[in-house]
Amino acid sequence: MDVHGGRLRYQEINPDHLVSLLKTVKTGNVAGFASDKATDLSVYGLDNPLLTLTMSLLPKPNEKPRPPVIVFFSKGTDGSWYARQSGKPTVVMLDNEYMKNFTANALAWKKKILLSFNRYNLKEMHLERIGSGGPLVLKFDRLDDSWTASKDGRDETLNINPNRANRYLDELEKMEVASWLPYTNPEAREALKKPVFRLKLVIQVYKDVSRQERQEVTGKDGVTFSAEPEMEEKTISMEIAPAGEAGFSRFYYGKINTTPYYFILNMDSVRLLGASLAEDN
């Protein structure tokens, strides 16, 4: 969930994080029981909880609507985590492993898919190892899954293995970040002053027009329907840079133009981005 101009905008979340949270809630073990009849909640920090989890449960067949389950979490005066369910006097102690999925940090919930696009909307793909000439420009024909390529004004189509280009595109569609980073992250910002690889995708998408702007067409039978929406090009661009010395870094920082946040890519993803599409490799 993001806030834009004072309005809330809901987005898809990271499903793995949600599953981990639900698994913890359902099967996780508490570290111990602090009190069966707590009267002074300030000892556990639960007079002013740091986190509240509210779960709305579906009723069973022929059952009346069930009230939401509300659980409060906080740190006590001893630094340990404690929790209490609303309406119940029992306070339990929780360890850090149990609490790792209970975060209100929006980036932890952000979906990890890096590039949100459909291959059949792809028009061009530019792959550039910075410092090695201009980008390799690949054009994709979705009608027959064929590729043409050029680099620095030279036709490179015969040097490209189309099967490798297709696999590369497949991997791009499902590539995930290792983690998202705040847009204020100083290490990522500094590293990306000297990127080593740049990717650009040119996508054809339908224009986003309001209902009032949509043109209507009336057929011979008098039936009115909306005209086919116009297409426009959208560019997705990305740069990555090593977190340390090139060739020795364990991961890479990255930035994409469709989000303000930085991200981390693991080495498997970095190797995929740098894979050769040449016919003779």
Foldseek 3Di string as FASTA:
>chain_A
DDADPNDDDDDAWAVVLVVVLVCLVVPNDFPFWDDQADDDCQQAPQVPAPAKDWAQDDDDPPDDGDHIWIKGWHHGPVRWIWMDIPPGRIITTHHPVSCVSRDPPVQNTHHFQDDADDPLQFAWKWKDQPPPAGTWIWGADSVVRAIWTDGPHHTCRQFFDSVLVVVLVVCSNRDGFPTWAALPDPLLVVQQVDFRIKMKTKGKDFDDDDPVPFDWDADPVRDIDTDDTDIDIDMKMKTKGASDPPPPGQWIKMDIPVDSIITIHGPVVVCSSVDDRTPVD
